Protein backbone atom coordinates (compact mmCIF):
# COMPACT_ATOMS: atom_id res chain seq x y z
CA UNK A 1 0.00 0.00 0.00
CA UNK A 2 1.04 3.55 -0.55
CA UNK A 3 3.33 4.67 2.28
CA UNK A 4 3.91 1.08 3.43
CA UNK A 5 7.14 0.01 5.15
CA UNK A 6 7.83 -2.30 2.19
CA UNK A 7 7.69 0.50 -0.39
CA UNK A 8 9.53 2.91 1.88
CA UNK A 9 12.32 0.35 2.31
CA UNK A 10 12.99 -0.11 -1.41
CA UNK A 11 16.24 1.42 -2.60
CA UNK A 12 16.33 4.24 -5.11
CA UNK A 13 16.47 2.97 -8.68
CA UNK A 14 19.70 4.74 -9.64
CA UNK A 15 22.83 2.83 -10.53
CA UNK A 16 23.25 -0.12 -12.85
CA UNK A 17 20.18 -2.05 -11.73
CA UNK A 18 17.06 -1.59 -13.86
CA UNK A 19 13.71 -1.88 -12.15
CA UNK A 20 10.41 -2.76 -13.74
CA UNK A 21 7.09 -2.50 -11.94
CA UNK A 22 4.27 -4.42 -13.62
CA UNK A 23 0.81 -3.64 -12.35
CA UNK A 24 -2.85 -4.03 -13.17
CA UNK A 25 -5.84 -1.74 -12.64
CA UNK A 26 -7.72 -4.85 -11.48
CA UNK A 27 -5.45 -5.40 -8.47
CA UNK A 28 -7.39 -5.87 -5.26
CA UNK A 29 -4.30 -6.58 -3.13
CA UNK A 30 -2.19 -3.52 -3.89
CA UNK A 31 -4.52 -0.59 -3.34
CA UNK A 32 -4.76 1.78 -4.90
CA UNK A 33 -3.34 -0.18 -7.85
CA UNK A 34 -1.24 2.73 -9.12
CA UNK A 35 0.69 2.74 -5.84
CA UNK A 36 2.78 0.05 -7.56
CA UNK A 37 4.45 2.84 -9.56
CA UNK A 38 8.10 3.17 -8.50
CA UNK A 39 10.05 6.37 -9.10
CA UNK A 40 12.86 5.76 -11.60
CA UNK A 41 11.53 2.37 -12.68
CA UNK A 42 9.94 1.33 -15.93
CA UNK A 43 6.31 1.22 -14.79
CA UNK A 44 4.08 -0.96 -16.93
CA UNK A 45 0.33 -0.83 -16.42
CA UNK A 46 -0.91 -3.92 -18.25
CA UNK A 47 -4.09 -2.20 -19.44
CA UNK A 48 -1.96 0.52 -21.08
CA UNK A 49 -0.35 -2.23 -23.18
CA UNK A 50 -3.45 -4.35 -23.85
CA UNK A 51 -6.70 -2.49 -23.15
CA UNK A 52 -8.59 -5.77 -22.77
CA UNK A 53 -6.20 -7.17 -20.12
CA UNK A 54 -8.17 -8.52 -17.16
CA UNK A 55 -5.86 -9.86 -14.49
CA UNK A 56 -5.83 -9.59 -10.71
CA UNK A 57 -2.83 -9.54 -8.38
CA UNK A 58 -2.85 -13.30 -7.87
CA UNK A 59 -3.13 -13.92 -11.59
CA UNK A 60 -0.03 -11.96 -12.60
CA UNK A 61 2.45 -14.91 -12.52
CA UNK A 62 0.33 -16.96 -14.92
CA UNK A 63 -0.84 -14.17 -17.21
CA UNK A 64 0.72 -14.31 -20.70
CA UNK A 65 0.95 -10.52 -20.99
CA UNK A 66 2.60 -10.10 -17.59
CA UNK A 67 5.06 -12.90 -18.35
CA UNK A 68 5.80 -11.35 -21.75
CA UNK A 69 6.62 -8.03 -20.09
CA UNK A 70 8.91 -9.80 -17.61
CA UNK A 71 10.73 -11.61 -20.43
CA UNK A 72 11.12 -8.33 -22.33
CA UNK A 73 12.52 -6.63 -19.23
CA UNK A 74 14.97 -9.43 -18.50
CA UNK A 75 16.20 -9.49 -22.10
CA UNK A 76 16.99 -5.79 -22.39
CA UNK A 77 20.58 -4.70 -22.48
CA UNK A 78 19.76 -0.99 -22.29
CA UNK A 79 16.78 1.01 -21.19
CA UNK A 80 14.24 1.66 -23.88
CA UNK A 81 10.70 2.95 -24.07
CA UNK A 82 8.04 1.12 -22.07
CA UNK A 83 5.86 -1.26 -24.09
CA UNK A 84 2.86 0.22 -25.87
CA UNK A 85 -0.34 -1.10 -27.40
CA UNK A 86 1.68 -1.89 -30.54
CA UNK A 87 3.53 -4.52 -28.46
CA UNK A 88 0.40 -6.18 -27.05
CA UNK A 89 0.13 -9.21 -29.34
CA UNK A 90 3.87 -9.95 -29.40
CA UNK A 91 4.20 -9.73 -25.60
CA UNK A 92 1.18 -12.01 -25.07
CA UNK A 93 2.56 -14.51 -27.56
CA UNK A 94 5.99 -14.54 -25.89
CA UNK A 95 4.40 -14.98 -22.47
CA UNK A 96 2.08 -17.73 -23.67
CA UNK A 97 5.05 -19.55 -25.20
CA UNK A 98 6.99 -19.34 -21.95
CA UNK A 99 3.96 -20.61 -20.03
CA UNK A 100 3.67 -23.56 -22.44
CA UNK A 101 0.45 -22.33 -24.01
């Protein structure tokens, strides 16, 4: 939650580490959902990538779009622009492949 000890204890995102925060408007665990935004991180709201994305907090690990965004983030060698709606189908396909679907 916003102002929580967990969020307050996260380090700043400067330095060589790249942070990505993947979140969903449908989250009922992290409230408000946009409190998942981290300063200095690449913040990815799933519905901004795929408008029809319907996933809750607990569903993130098995969601093809979320997994596709994770794979994209892990495979980057340099920061680039956050994914957009133009990336929706490709990210879902990559995630579905990784999930075996």
